[in-house]
Amino acid sequence: MRFFLNLAADSYLSHYQGHVRNVSVIAEDGRRIEFPANALRPFVTKSGVQGRFELLIDDNNRLQRLHRLSH
């Protein structure tokens, strides 16, 4: 599932500090995706988290991999 994300640094900070555990986005195909906020850690910069991402899940709908396709 692919989606775009533009999350400002201060918004991600509340996720990182544990105030919010999950991120919810709308995929390019219209489905709502919810996944653990800590999956975004490798992609955080001073300006937050931006880009187009692909989320891979297993047969039980568990997160297997998240990677950035573009900035």
Protein backbone atom coordinates (compact mmCIF):
# COMPACT_ATOMS: atom_id res chain seq x y z
CA MET A 1 0.00 0.00 0.00
CA ARG A 2 1.37 3.39 -0.96
CA PHE A 3 0.69 6.77 0.61
CA PHE A 4 2.01 10.31 0.92
CA LEU A 5 2.94 11.76 4.28
CA ASN A 6 3.83 15.31 5.27
CA LEU A 7 4.19 15.36 9.04
CA ALA A 8 5.79 18.42 10.63
CA ALA A 9 8.53 17.88 13.22
CA ASP A 10 6.41 19.14 16.13
CA SER A 11 3.57 16.79 15.15
CA TYR A 12 5.92 13.82 15.01
CA LEU A 13 7.38 14.77 18.38
CA SER A 14 4.07 13.91 20.10
CA HIS A 15 4.15 10.51 18.36
CA TYR A 16 7.79 9.97 19.34
CA GLN A 17 7.15 10.88 22.98
CA GLY A 18 4.45 8.23 23.16
CA HIS A 19 1.42 10.52 23.33
CA VAL A 20 0.19 8.92 20.12
CA ARG A 21 1.05 5.31 19.33
CA ASN A 22 -0.36 4.92 15.82
CA VAL A 23 -0.36 6.91 12.61
CA SER A 24 -3.42 6.82 10.38
CA VAL A 25 -3.17 7.73 6.69
CA ILE A 26 -5.22 7.29 3.52
CA ALA A 27 -3.52 5.10 0.92
CA GLU A 28 -3.42 6.07 -2.74
CA ASP A 29 -6.16 3.49 -3.39
CA GLY A 30 -8.44 5.10 -0.78
CA ARG A 31 -7.98 2.59 2.05
CA ARG A 32 -7.26 3.85 5.55
CA ILE A 33 -4.00 2.48 6.96
CA GLU A 34 -3.02 2.52 10.63
CA PHE A 35 0.47 1.54 11.74
CA PRO A 36 2.81 2.10 14.72
CA ALA A 37 4.31 5.60 14.84
CA ASN A 38 7.72 4.20 15.70
CA ALA A 39 7.93 2.71 12.18
CA LEU A 40 8.60 6.26 10.97
CA ARG A 41 11.72 6.80 13.10
CA PRO A 42 14.23 6.02 10.33
CA PHE A 43 12.67 8.73 8.16
CA VAL A 44 12.55 11.63 10.65
CA THR A 45 14.50 14.77 9.77
CA LYS A 46 14.63 18.21 11.38
CA SER A 47 11.59 19.17 9.32
CA GLY A 48 9.59 16.05 10.25
CA VAL A 49 8.61 13.17 7.97
CA GLN A 50 7.80 13.81 4.33
CA GLY A 51 7.52 11.68 1.23
CA ARG A 52 5.79 8.90 -0.59
CA PHE A 53 5.96 5.58 1.25
CA GLU A 54 5.14 1.94 0.67
CA LEU A 55 3.88 -0.24 3.49
CA LEU A 56 4.14 -4.02 3.21
CA ILE A 57 2.00 -6.25 5.42
CA ASP A 58 1.78 -10.00 5.98
CA ASP A 59 -1.27 -12.26 5.67
CA ASN A 60 -2.33 -11.23 9.19
CA ASN A 61 -2.20 -7.51 8.29
CA ARG A 62 0.91 -6.97 10.40
CA LEU A 63 3.54 -4.48 9.32
CA GLN A 64 6.47 -6.17 7.61
CA ARG A 65 8.28 -3.24 6.04
CA LEU A 66 7.93 0.48 5.51
CA HIS A 67 10.13 2.25 3.01
CA ARG A 68 10.23 5.67 1.41
CA LEU A 69 9.79 5.74 -2.35
CA SER A 70 10.51 9.46 -2.76
CA HIS A 71 10.92 12.67 -0.75
